[in-house]
Amino acid sequence: MTRILAARRTRWQEMHIVETGAYGKALVLDGKWQSCTGDEFIYHESLVHPAMLRAGQPRRVLILGGGEGATLREVLRWSSVERATMVDIDGEVVEACREHLAEMHQGAFDDPRAELVIGDALEVIDDSPDGHYDVVISDLSDPIEEGPSFKLFTREYFARLRRVLAPQGVAVVQAGPVSPPELALHARLVSTLRAVFAHTASYCAHVPSYAAPWGFALAADRPLDLPGDPAALDALLAERTTGGLRYLDGRTLVALDNPPLYVREAVARETRVYTLDEPPRFFGTGQGPDDAR
């Protein structure tokens, strides 16, 4: 870090927005690196577009978390989207990101199709009609015990999320690192989704500033297959989005659908499920810049 742009302890977490050398500006929550302007496009394009493609022509999208606004930015690339509702529990983080991370949100909060809700994701889900959303994107901070989101990686939460999905709807979850020492956590998250949904899929992308490949998990009650032809996928993206993608194209999407063997094997053999009684704990607590020695 070369400079701290914002630093505060909110009601929910410790937040820092910092400048770095090679990777630009970054958001840090509870001492955990969230994303940075240097390579966030890899993470956010990978999180959003595989689910949106599988949903066909999604009209209503729910984003849980995503304080930087970059997930919202990617959703709003889709011409079919009529309403993108972003729910974040921490309004102070969102406001700081709006002020300091314009490179990430790129004005997405001001799009007339965007709706920002500062509140509890569970309450928003419980107040939503059955089958209301075509895509639900769970872009939550890591589930450390002291943070606000660890309950939202459990079977009970996914069951509530499933209720608000349309019959052909698709959910996607940021699902932790898939480096070999940490892979069990990702595999168990996929297993938890598998306990709720009829179909799941795991994929990963290497995000350099995370220093690890990062996992994502798709879930739906219908098959999640995509065309295997890169040219066909390129045509779908060109038809349905405004373009401007930097990481994803047809070839990359085909690669995402074929994660490494060790990841596929770990996901296939995992049977344990996260519950409210036994939720995940990814990394313990982080160390914020003020705590550094």
C-alpha atoms as a PDB file:
ATOM      1  CA  MET A   1       0.000   0.000   0.000  1.00  0.00           C
ATOM      2  CA  THR A   2       1.198   3.490  -0.840  1.00  0.00           C
ATOM      3  CA  ARG A   3      -1.718   5.546   0.513  1.00  0.00           C
ATOM      4  CA  ILE A   4      -4.895   5.108   2.571  1.00  0.00           C
ATOM      5  CA  LEU A   5      -7.834   6.912   0.952  1.00  0.00           C
ATOM      6  CA  ALA A   6     -10.500   5.941   3.482  1.00  0.00           C
ATOM      7  CA  ALA A   7     -10.414   4.038   6.758  1.00  0.00           C
ATOM      8  CA  ARG A   8     -13.151   3.469   9.285  1.00  0.00           C
ATOM      9  CA  ARG A   9     -14.747   0.929  11.558  1.00  0.00           C
ATOM     10  CA  THR A  10     -18.374   0.698  10.456  1.00  0.00           C
ATOM     11  CA  ARG A  11     -21.137  -0.987  12.403  1.00  0.00           C
ATOM     12  CA  TRP A  12     -20.358  -4.189  10.529  1.00  0.00           C
ATOM     13  CA  GLN A  13     -16.681  -4.344   9.659  1.00  0.00           C
ATOM     14  CA  GLU A  14     -13.348  -2.614   9.334  1.00  0.00           C
ATOM     15  CA  MET A  15     -12.994  -0.909   5.955  1.00  0.00           C
ATOM     16  CA  HIS A  16      -9.999   0.502   4.123  1.00  0.00           C
ATOM     17  CA  ILE A  17      -9.747   1.856   0.600  1.00  0.00           C
ATOM     18  CA  VAL A  18      -6.098   2.073  -0.341  1.00  0.00           C
ATOM     19  CA  GLU A  19      -3.788   2.864  -3.205  1.00  0.00           C
ATOM     20  CA  THR A  20      -1.190   0.281  -4.174  1.00  0.00           C
ATOM     21  CA  GLY A  21       1.676   0.247  -6.600  1.00  0.00           C
ATOM     22  CA  ALA A  22       1.041  -2.194  -9.422  1.00  0.00           C
ATOM     23  CA  TYR A  23      -2.630  -2.936  -8.785  1.00  0.00           C
ATOM     24  CA  GLY A  24      -4.153   0.512  -8.329  1.00  0.00           C
ATOM     25  CA  LYS A  25      -6.874   1.219  -5.781  1.00  0.00           C
ATOM     26  CA  ALA A  26      -8.247  -1.570  -3.602  1.00  0.00           C
ATOM     27  CA  LEU A  27     -11.067  -2.249  -1.152  1.00  0.00           C
ATOM     28  CA  VAL A  28     -10.055  -4.094   2.030  1.00  0.00           C
ATOM     29  CA  LEU A  29     -12.665  -5.385   4.512  1.00  0.00           C
ATOM     30  CA  ASP A  30     -11.698  -6.841   7.871  1.00  0.00           C
ATOM     31  CA  GLY A  31      -8.131  -6.982   6.639  1.00  0.00           C
ATOM     32  CA  LYS A  32      -9.140  -9.090   3.608  1.00  0.00           C
ATOM     33  CA  TRP A  33      -8.386  -7.928   0.080  1.00  0.00           C
ATOM     34  CA  GLN A  34     -11.708  -7.676  -1.821  1.00  0.00           C
ATOM     35  CA  SER A  35     -10.841  -6.295  -5.246  1.00  0.00           C
ATOM     36  CA  CYS A  36      -8.672  -3.717  -6.939  1.00  0.00           C
ATOM     37  CA  THR A  37      -8.796  -1.610 -10.052  1.00  0.00           C
ATOM     38  CA  GLY A  38      -5.855  -3.481 -11.576  1.00  0.00           C
ATOM     39  CA  ASP A  39      -7.569  -6.845 -12.068  1.00  0.00           C
ATOM     40  CA  GLU A  40     -11.141  -6.668 -10.713  1.00  0.00           C
ATOM     41  CA  PHE A  41     -12.494  -7.225 -14.234  1.00  0.00           C
ATOM     42  CA  ILE A  42     -11.307 -10.834 -14.078  1.00  0.00           C
ATOM     43  CA  TYR A  43     -13.265 -11.530 -10.906  1.00  0.00           C
ATOM     44  CA  HIS A  44     -16.411  -9.563 -11.763  1.00  0.00           C
ATOM     45  CA  GLU A  45     -16.783 -10.753 -15.344  1.00  0.00           C
ATOM     46  CA  SER A  46     -16.276 -14.336 -14.181  1.00  0.00           C
ATOM     47  CA  LEU A  47     -18.841 -13.916 -11.409  1.00  0.00           C
ATOM     48  CA  VAL A  48     -21.588 -12.331 -13.499  1.00  0.00           C
ATOM     49  CA  HIS A  49     -21.654 -13.478 -17.093  1.00  0.00           C
ATOM     50  CA  PRO A  50     -21.681 -17.290 -16.857  1.00  0.00           C
ATOM     51  CA  ALA A  51     -24.889 -17.058 -14.802  1.00  0.00           C
ATOM     52  CA  MET A  52     -26.438 -14.385 -17.017  1.00  0.00           C
ATOM     53  CA  LEU A  53     -25.752 -16.418 -20.155  1.00  0.00           C
ATOM     54  CA  ARG A  54     -27.404 -19.464 -18.655  1.00  0.00           C
ATOM     55  CA  ALA A  55     -30.457 -17.432 -17.702  1.00  0.00           C
ATOM     56  CA  GLY A  56     -31.031 -16.502 -21.335  1.00  0.00           C
ATOM     57  CA  GLN A  57     -32.624 -13.057 -21.325  1.00  0.00           C
ATOM     58  CA  PRO A  58     -32.610 -12.124 -17.633  1.00  0.00           C
ATOM     59  CA  ARG A  59     -34.882  -9.227 -16.727  1.00  0.00           C
ATOM     60  CA  ARG A  60     -34.712  -9.073 -12.921  1.00  0.00           C
ATOM     61  CA  VAL A  61     -31.380  -9.571 -11.155  1.00  0.00           C
ATOM     62  CA  LEU A  62     -30.620  -9.545  -7.432  1.00  0.00           C
ATOM     63  CA  ILE A  63     -27.063  -8.781  -6.279  1.00  0.00           C
ATOM     64  CA  LEU A  64     -26.215  -9.557  -2.673  1.00  0.00           C
ATOM     65  CA  GLY A  65     -23.134  -7.648  -1.557  1.00  0.00           C
ATOM     66  CA  GLY A  66     -20.908  -6.092  -4.186  1.00  0.00           C
ATOM     67  CA  GLY A  67     -20.233  -2.788  -2.448  1.00  0.00           C
ATOM     68  CA  GLU A  68     -17.780  -1.580  -5.097  1.00  0.00           C
ATOM     69  CA  GLY A  69     -20.552  -1.484  -7.714  1.00  0.00           C
ATOM     70  CA  ALA A  70     -18.511  -3.503 -10.219  1.00  0.00           C
ATOM     71  CA  THR A  71     -20.892  -6.478 -10.112  1.00  0.00           C
ATOM     72  CA  LEU A  72     -23.767  -4.080 -10.781  1.00  0.00           C
ATOM     73  CA  ARG A  73     -21.761  -2.594 -13.664  1.00  0.00           C
ATOM     74  CA  GLU A  74     -21.395  -6.005 -15.301  1.00  0.00           C
ATOM     75  CA  VAL A  75     -25.074  -6.913 -14.827  1.00  0.00           C
ATOM     76  CA  LEU A  76     -26.138  -3.680 -16.500  1.00  0.00           C
ATOM     77  CA  ARG A  77     -24.205  -4.612 -19.639  1.00  0.00           C
ATOM     78  CA  TRP A  78     -27.153  -6.918 -20.416  1.00  0.00           C
ATOM     79  CA  SER A  79     -29.749  -5.211 -22.608  1.00  0.00           C
ATOM     80  CA  SER A  80     -32.511  -7.507 -21.311  1.00  0.00           C
ATOM     81  CA  VAL A  81     -32.114  -6.309 -17.715  1.00  0.00           C
ATOM     82  CA  GLU A  82     -35.028  -4.179 -16.551  1.00  0.00           C
ATOM     83  CA  ARG A  83     -34.161  -4.010 -12.856  1.00  0.00           C
ATOM     84  CA  ALA A  84     -30.920  -4.801 -11.036  1.00  0.00           C
ATOM     85  CA  THR A  85     -31.378  -4.705  -7.267  1.00  0.00           C
ATOM     86  CA  MET A  86     -28.161  -4.510  -5.258  1.00  0.00           C
ATOM     87  CA  VAL A  87     -28.385  -5.218  -1.515  1.00  0.00           C
ATOM     88  CA  ASP A  88     -25.476  -4.384   0.762  1.00  0.00           C
ATOM     89  CA  ILE A  89     -25.674  -4.313   4.534  1.00  0.00           C
ATOM     90  CA  ASP A  90     -23.013  -1.639   4.930  1.00  0.00           C
ATOM     91  CA  GLY A  91     -23.986   1.740   3.556  1.00  0.00           C
ATOM     92  CA  GLU A  92     -20.723   3.313   4.708  1.00  0.00           C
ATOM     93  CA  VAL A  93     -18.745   0.928   2.514  1.00  0.00           C
ATOM     94  CA  VAL A  94     -20.977   1.611  -0.492  1.00  0.00           C
ATOM     95  CA  GLU A  95     -20.666   5.377  -0.069  1.00  0.00           C
ATOM     96  CA  ALA A  96     -16.888   5.166   0.267  1.00  0.00           C
ATOM     97  CA  CYS A  97     -16.708   3.037  -2.886  1.00  0.00           C
ATOM     98  CA  ARG A  98     -18.920   5.487  -4.767  1.00  0.00           C
ATOM     99  CA  GLU A  99     -16.528   8.276  -3.795  1.00  0.00           C
ATOM    100  CA  HIS A 100     -13.162   6.588  -4.211  1.00  0.00           C
ATOM    101  CA  LEU A 101     -13.673   3.695  -6.671  1.00  0.00           C
ATOM    102  CA  ALA A 102     -15.372   5.295  -9.662  1.00  0.00           C
ATOM    103  CA  GLU A 103     -13.053   3.228 -11.865  1.00  0.00           C
ATOM    104  CA  MET A 104     -14.955   0.157 -10.652  1.00  0.00           C
ATOM    105  CA  HIS A 105     -18.608   1.217 -10.595  1.00  0.00           C
ATOM    106  CA  GLN A 106     -18.286   3.478 -13.666  1.00  0.00           C
ATOM    107  CA  GLY A 107     -21.535   5.238 -12.808  1.00  0.00           C
ATOM    108  CA  ALA A 108     -23.570   2.051 -12.453  1.00  0.00           C
ATOM    109  CA  PHE A 109     -25.341   3.346  -9.342  1.00  0.00           C
ATOM    110  CA  ASP A 110     -26.853   6.147 -11.453  1.00  0.00           C
ATOM    111  CA  ASP A 111     -28.309   3.849 -14.104  1.00  0.00           C
ATOM    112  CA  PRO A 112     -32.137   4.114 -14.004  1.00  0.00           C
ATOM    113  CA  ARG A 113     -32.381   0.311 -13.975  1.00  0.00           C
ATOM    114  CA  ALA A 114     -30.324   0.099 -10.765  1.00  0.00           C
ATOM    115  CA  GLU A 115     -31.893  -0.100  -7.310  1.00  0.00           C
ATOM    116  CA  LEU A 116     -29.649   0.150  -4.259  1.00  0.00           C
ATOM    117  CA  VAL A 117     -30.918  -1.266  -0.970  1.00  0.00           C
ATOM    118  CA  ILE A 118     -28.904  -0.813   2.214  1.00  0.00           C
ATOM    119  CA  GLY A 119     -30.086  -3.686   4.368  1.00  0.00           C
ATOM    120  CA  ASP A 120     -29.927  -7.327   5.331  1.00  0.00           C
ATOM    121  CA  ALA A 121     -29.865  -9.742   2.386  1.00  0.00           C
ATOM    122  CA  LEU A 122     -31.965 -12.277   4.274  1.00  0.00           C
ATOM    123  CA  GLU A 123     -34.688  -9.726   4.959  1.00  0.00           C
ATOM    124  CA  VAL A 124     -34.771  -8.656   1.307  1.00  0.00           C
ATOM    125  CA  ILE A 125     -35.035 -12.271   0.182  1.00  0.00           C
ATOM    126  CA  ASP A 126     -37.777 -13.046   2.691  1.00  0.00           C
ATOM    127  CA  ASP A 127     -39.750  -9.994   1.517  1.00  0.00           C
ATOM    128  CA  SER A 128     -39.410 -10.897  -2.186  1.00  0.00           C
ATOM    129  CA  PRO A 129     -42.154 -12.747  -4.083  1.00  0.00           C
ATOM    130  CA  ASP A 130     -41.667 -16.382  -5.043  1.00  0.00           C
ATOM    131  CA  GLY A 131     -39.913 -16.841  -8.384  1.00  0.00           C
ATOM    132  CA  HIS A 132     -39.184 -13.125  -8.734  1.00  0.00           C
ATOM    133  CA  TYR A 133     -35.550 -13.082  -9.915  1.00  0.00           C
ATOM    134  CA  ASP A 134     -34.018 -14.531 -13.059  1.00  0.00           C
ATOM    135  CA  VAL A 135     -30.503 -14.358 -11.597  1.00  0.00           C
ATOM    136  CA  VAL A 136     -29.281 -14.047  -8.015  1.00  0.00           C
ATOM    137  CA  ILE A 137     -25.613 -13.142  -7.574  1.00  0.00           C
ATOM    138  CA  SER A 138     -24.096 -13.722  -4.147  1.00  0.00           C
ATOM    139  CA  ASP A 139     -21.047 -11.434  -4.116  1.00  0.00           C
ATOM    140  CA  LEU A 140     -20.443 -11.455  -0.386  1.00  0.00           C
ATOM    141  CA  SER A 141     -17.347 -10.789   1.654  1.00  0.00           C
ATOM    142  CA  ASP A 142     -15.572 -13.824   3.050  1.00  0.00           C
ATOM    143  CA  PRO A 143     -17.489 -15.586   5.833  1.00  0.00           C
ATOM    144  CA  ILE A 144     -15.257 -14.802   8.767  1.00  0.00           C
ATOM    145  CA  GLU A 145     -16.958 -15.227  12.136  1.00  0.00           C
ATOM    146  CA  GLU A 146     -16.757 -11.549  13.062  1.00  0.00           C
ATOM    147  CA  GLY A 147     -18.010 -10.359   9.663  1.00  0.00           C
ATOM    148  CA  PRO A 148     -21.573  -9.805   8.422  1.00  0.00           C
ATOM    149  CA  SER A 149     -21.881 -12.549   5.805  1.00  0.00           C
ATOM    150  CA  PHE A 150     -20.909 -15.952   7.212  1.00  0.00           C
ATOM    151  CA  LYS A 151     -24.568 -17.015   7.655  1.00  0.00           C
ATOM    152  CA  LEU A 152     -25.140 -16.461   3.935  1.00  0.00           C
ATOM    153  CA  PHE A 153     -23.055 -19.470   2.863  1.00  0.00           C
ATOM    154  CA  THR A 154     -25.288 -22.105   4.460  1.00  0.00           C
ATOM    155  CA  ARG A 155     -27.935 -24.614   3.379  1.00  0.00           C
ATOM    156  CA  GLU A 156     -30.634 -22.611   5.157  1.00  0.00           C
ATOM    157  CA  TYR A 157     -29.704 -19.456   3.271  1.00  0.00           C
ATOM    158  CA  PHE A 158     -29.529 -21.206  -0.093  1.00  0.00           C
ATOM    159  CA  ALA A 159     -32.994 -22.688   0.487  1.00  0.00           C
ATOM    160  CA  ARG A 160     -34.386 -19.198   1.039  1.00  0.00           C
ATOM    161  CA  LEU A 161     -32.551 -17.951  -2.041  1.00  0.00           C
ATOM    162  CA  ARG A 162     -33.999 -20.775  -4.148  1.00  0.00           C
ATOM    163  CA  ARG A 163     -37.535 -19.687  -3.334  1.00  0.00           C
ATOM    164  CA  VAL A 164     -37.114 -16.280  -5.000  1.00  0.00           C
ATOM    165  CA  LEU A 165     -35.545 -17.668  -8.182  1.00  0.00           C
ATOM    166  CA  ALA A 166     -37.704 -17.999 -11.287  1.00  0.00           C
ATOM    167  CA  PRO A 167     -38.222 -21.605 -12.510  1.00  0.00           C
ATOM    168  CA  GLN A 168     -35.491 -21.120 -15.104  1.00  0.00           C
ATOM    169  CA  GLY A 169     -33.449 -18.901 -12.812  1.00  0.00           C
ATOM    170  CA  VAL A 170     -29.765 -19.251 -11.972  1.00  0.00           C
ATOM    171  CA  ALA A 171     -27.838 -18.463  -8.785  1.00  0.00           C
ATOM    172  CA  VAL A 172     -24.101 -17.865  -8.602  1.00  0.00           C
ATOM    173  CA  VAL A 173     -21.949 -17.648  -5.497  1.00  0.00           C
ATOM    174  CA  GLN A 174     -18.397 -16.440  -5.053  1.00  0.00           C
ATOM    175  CA  ALA A 175     -17.086 -19.637  -3.548  1.00  0.00           C
ATOM    176  CA  GLY A 176     -13.623 -19.052  -2.171  1.00  0.00           C
ATOM    177  CA  PRO A 177     -10.114 -20.018  -3.242  1.00  0.00           C
ATOM    178  CA  VAL A 178      -9.354 -23.263  -5.025  1.00  0.00           C
ATOM    179  CA  SER A 179      -5.635 -23.496  -4.348  1.00  0.00           C
ATOM    180  CA  PRO A 180      -4.908 -27.025  -3.073  1.00  0.00           C
ATOM    181  CA  PRO A 181      -4.476 -26.128   0.631  1.00  0.00           C
ATOM    182  CA  GLU A 182      -7.799 -24.260   0.703  1.00  0.00           C
ATOM    183  CA  LEU A 183      -9.845 -26.301  -1.751  1.00  0.00           C
ATOM    184  CA  ALA A 184     -11.971 -28.154   0.829  1.00  0.00           C
ATOM    185  CA  LEU A 185     -13.865 -24.970   1.602  1.00  0.00           C
ATOM    186  CA  HIS A 186     -14.883 -24.463  -2.024  1.00  0.00           C
ATOM    187  CA  ALA A 187     -15.857 -28.103  -2.435  1.00  0.00           C
ATOM    188  CA  ARG A 188     -18.049 -27.978   0.652  1.00  0.00           C
ATOM    189  CA  LEU A 189     -19.809 -24.849  -0.600  1.00  0.00           C
ATOM    190  CA  VAL A 190     -20.661 -26.646  -3.843  1.00  0.00           C
ATOM    191  CA  SER A 191     -21.849 -29.616  -1.798  1.00  0.00           C
ATOM    192  CA  THR A 192     -24.082 -27.259   0.191  1.00  0.00           C
ATOM    193  CA  LEU A 193     -25.631 -25.895  -2.996  1.00  0.00           C
ATOM    194  CA  ARG A 194     -26.061 -29.466  -4.242  1.00  0.00           C
ATOM    195  CA  ALA A 195     -28.149 -30.214  -1.142  1.00  0.00           C
ATOM    196  CA  VAL A 196     -30.642 -27.532  -2.221  1.00  0.00           C
ATOM    197  CA  PHE A 197     -30.576 -27.310  -6.026  1.00  0.00           C
ATOM    198  CA  ALA A 198     -31.018 -29.984  -8.692  1.00  0.00           C
ATOM    199  CA  HIS A 199     -28.019 -28.825 -10.737  1.00  0.00           C
ATOM    200  CA  THR A 200     -24.700 -27.233  -9.767  1.00  0.00           C
ATOM    201  CA  ALA A 201     -21.464 -26.371 -11.510  1.00  0.00           C
ATOM    202  CA  SER A 202     -18.072 -25.261 -10.239  1.00  0.00           C
ATOM    203  CA  TYR A 203     -15.571 -23.101 -12.080  1.00  0.00           C
ATOM    204  CA  CYS A 204     -12.597 -20.910 -11.284  1.00  0.00           C
ATOM    205  CA  ALA A 205     -10.506 -18.023 -12.556  1.00  0.00           C
ATOM    206  CA  HIS A 206      -7.040 -16.890 -11.545  1.00  0.00           C
ATOM    207  CA  VAL A 207      -7.183 -13.407 -10.039  1.00  0.00           C
ATOM    208  CA  PRO A 208      -3.544 -12.291  -9.723  1.00  0.00           C
ATOM    209  CA  SER A 209      -4.007  -9.899  -6.805  1.00  0.00           C
ATOM    210  CA  TYR A 210      -5.644 -12.696  -4.778  1.00  0.00           C
ATOM    211  CA  ALA A 211      -2.470 -14.748  -5.235  1.00  0.00           C
ATOM    212  CA  ALA A 212      -4.712 -17.767  -5.849  1.00  0.00           C
ATOM    213  CA  PRO A 213      -7.252 -19.130  -8.318  1.00  0.00           C
ATOM    214  CA  TRP A 214     -10.746 -18.201  -7.156  1.00  0.00           C
ATOM    215  CA  GLY A 215     -13.797 -20.412  -7.240  1.00  0.00           C
ATOM    216  CA  PHE A 216     -17.391 -19.748  -8.219  1.00  0.00           C
ATOM    217  CA  ALA A 217     -20.443 -21.996  -8.029  1.00  0.00           C
ATOM    218  CA  LEU A 218     -23.589 -22.009 -10.157  1.00  0.00           C
ATOM    219  CA  ALA A 219     -26.890 -23.522  -9.052  1.00  0.00           C
ATOM    220  CA  ALA A 220     -30.307 -24.001 -10.653  1.00  0.00           C
ATOM    221  CA  ASP A 221     -33.195 -26.425 -10.882  1.00  0.00           C
ATOM    222  CA  ARG A 222     -32.534 -27.014 -14.565  1.00  0.00           C
ATOM    223  CA  PRO A 223     -29.442 -28.066 -16.516  1.00  0.00           C
ATOM    224  CA  LEU A 224     -26.633 -25.519 -16.640  1.00  0.00           C
ATOM    225  CA  ASP A 225     -25.131 -26.473 -19.992  1.00  0.00           C
ATOM    226  CA  LEU A 226     -23.793 -23.818 -22.344  1.00  0.00           C
ATOM    227  CA  PRO A 227     -22.874 -24.185 -26.022  1.00  0.00           C
ATOM    228  CA  GLY A 228     -19.427 -25.701 -26.339  1.00  0.00           C
ATOM    229  CA  ASP A 229     -18.582 -23.687 -29.443  1.00  0.00           C
ATOM    230  CA  PRO A 230     -16.629 -20.491 -28.696  1.00  0.00           C
ATOM    231  CA  ALA A 231     -18.021 -18.774 -31.782  1.00  0.00           C
ATOM    232  CA  ALA A 232     -21.592 -19.436 -30.630  1.00  0.00           C
ATOM    233  CA  LEU A 233     -20.806 -17.978 -27.215  1.00  0.00           C
ATOM    234  CA  ASP A 234     -19.186 -14.933 -28.803  1.00  0.00           C
ATOM    235  CA  ALA A 235     -22.358 -14.425 -30.824  1.00  0.00           C
ATOM    236  CA  LEU A 236     -24.537 -14.640 -27.698  1.00  0.00           C
ATOM    237  CA  LEU A 237     -22.412 -12.085 -25.874  1.00  0.00           C
ATOM    238  CA  ALA A 238     -22.438  -9.735 -28.849  1.00  0.00           C
ATOM    239  CA  GLU A 239     -26.218 -10.044 -29.169  1.00  0.00           C
ATOM    240  CA  ARG A 240     -27.122  -9.646 -25.504  1.00  0.00           C
ATOM    241  CA  THR A 241     -24.538  -7.286 -23.966  1.00  0.00           C
ATOM    242  CA  THR A 242     -23.147  -3.856 -24.667  1.00  0.00           C
ATOM    243  CA  GLY A 243     -19.656  -5.294 -24.992  1.00  0.00           C
ATOM    244  CA  GLY A 244     -16.527  -3.939 -23.405  1.00  0.00           C
ATOM    245  CA  LEU A 245     -15.524  -7.241 -21.793  1.00  0.00           C
ATOM    246  CA  ARG A 246     -11.827  -7.592 -21.093  1.00  0.00           C
ATOM    247  CA  TYR A 247     -11.565 -11.143 -19.750  1.00  0.00           C
ATOM    248  CA  LEU A 248     -14.434 -13.235 -21.064  1.00  0.00           C
ATOM    249  CA  ASP A 249     -15.087 -14.381 -24.590  1.00  0.00           C
ATOM    250  CA  GLY A 250     -16.227 -17.680 -26.043  1.00  0.00           C
ATOM    251  CA  ARG A 251     -12.871 -19.391 -25.665  1.00  0.00           C
ATOM    252  CA  THR A 252     -12.496 -18.255 -22.057  1.00  0.00           C
ATOM    253  CA  LEU A 253     -16.030 -19.387 -21.200  1.00  0.00           C
ATOM    254  CA  VAL A 254     -15.314 -22.858 -22.557  1.00  0.00           C
ATOM    255  CA  ALA A 255     -12.163 -22.961 -20.438  1.00  0.00           C
ATOM    256  CA  LEU A 256     -14.093 -21.886 -17.311  1.00  0.00           C
ATOM    257  CA  ASP A 257     -16.469 -24.796 -17.851  1.00  0.00           C
ATOM    258  CA  ASN A 258     -13.503 -27.185 -17.628  1.00  0.00           C
ATOM    259  CA  PRO A 259     -11.798 -26.575 -14.273  1.00  0.00           C
ATOM    260  CA  PRO A 260      -8.641 -28.497 -13.335  1.00  0.00           C
ATOM    261  CA  LEU A 261      -8.902 -32.190 -12.498  1.00  0.00           C
ATOM    262  CA  TYR A 262      -8.018 -31.775  -8.811  1.00  0.00           C
ATOM    263  CA  VAL A 263     -10.876 -29.275  -8.401  1.00  0.00           C
ATOM    264  CA  ARG A 264     -13.404 -31.518 -10.158  1.00  0.00           C
ATOM    265  CA  GLU A 265     -12.372 -34.512  -8.104  1.00  0.00           C
ATOM    266  CA  ALA A 266     -12.597 -32.627  -4.813  1.00  0.00           C
ATOM    267  CA  VAL A 267     -16.045 -31.268  -5.655  1.00  0.00           C
ATOM    268  CA  ALA A 268     -17.296 -34.681  -6.765  1.00  0.00           C
ATOM    269  CA  ARG A 269     -16.292 -36.483  -3.567  1.00  0.00           C
ATOM    270  CA  GLU A 270     -17.348 -33.822  -1.053  1.00  0.00           C
ATOM    271  CA  THR A 271     -20.537 -34.633   0.862  1.00  0.00           C
ATOM    272  CA  ARG A 272     -20.421 -32.308   3.869  1.00  0.00           C
ATOM    273  CA  VAL A 273     -22.827 -29.368   4.019  1.00  0.00           C
ATOM    274  CA  TYR A 274     -22.538 -25.973   5.693  1.00  0.00           C
ATOM    275  CA  THR A 275     -25.432 -25.185   8.045  1.00  0.00           C
ATOM    276  CA  LEU A 276     -26.275 -22.415  10.492  1.00  0.00           C
ATOM    277  CA  ASP A 277     -25.082 -24.733  13.246  1.00  0.00           C
ATOM    278  CA  GLU A 278     -21.832 -25.336  11.373  1.00  0.00           C
ATOM    279  CA  PRO A 279     -21.178 -22.385   9.039  1.00  0.00           C
ATOM    280  CA  PRO A 280     -17.963 -21.826   7.086  1.00  0.00           C
ATOM    281  CA  ARG A 281     -14.993 -19.945   8.421  1.00  0.00           C
ATOM    282  CA  PHE A 282     -12.734 -19.129   5.483  1.00  0.00           C
ATOM    283  CA  PHE A 283      -9.673 -17.410   6.867  1.00  0.00           C
ATOM    284  CA  GLY A 284     -10.286 -16.280  10.433  1.00  0.00           C
ATOM    285  CA  THR A 285      -9.899 -12.573  11.061  1.00  0.00           C
ATOM    286  CA  GLY A 286      -7.784 -10.356   8.874  1.00  0.00           C
ATOM    287  CA  GLN A 287      -5.169  -7.828   9.790  1.00  0.00           C
ATOM    288  CA  GLY A 288      -6.008  -4.287   8.825  1.00  0.00           C
ATOM    289  CA  PRO A 289      -3.391  -1.684   7.879  1.00  0.00           C
ATOM    290  CA  ASP A 290      -3.699   0.021  11.268  1.00  0.00           C
ATOM    291  CA  ASP A 291      -2.734  -3.245  12.947  1.00  0.00           C
ATOM    292  CA  ALA A 292       0.384  -3.798  10.877  1.00  0.00           C
ATOM    293  CA  ARG A 293       3.693  -3.774  12.697  1.00  0.00           C
END
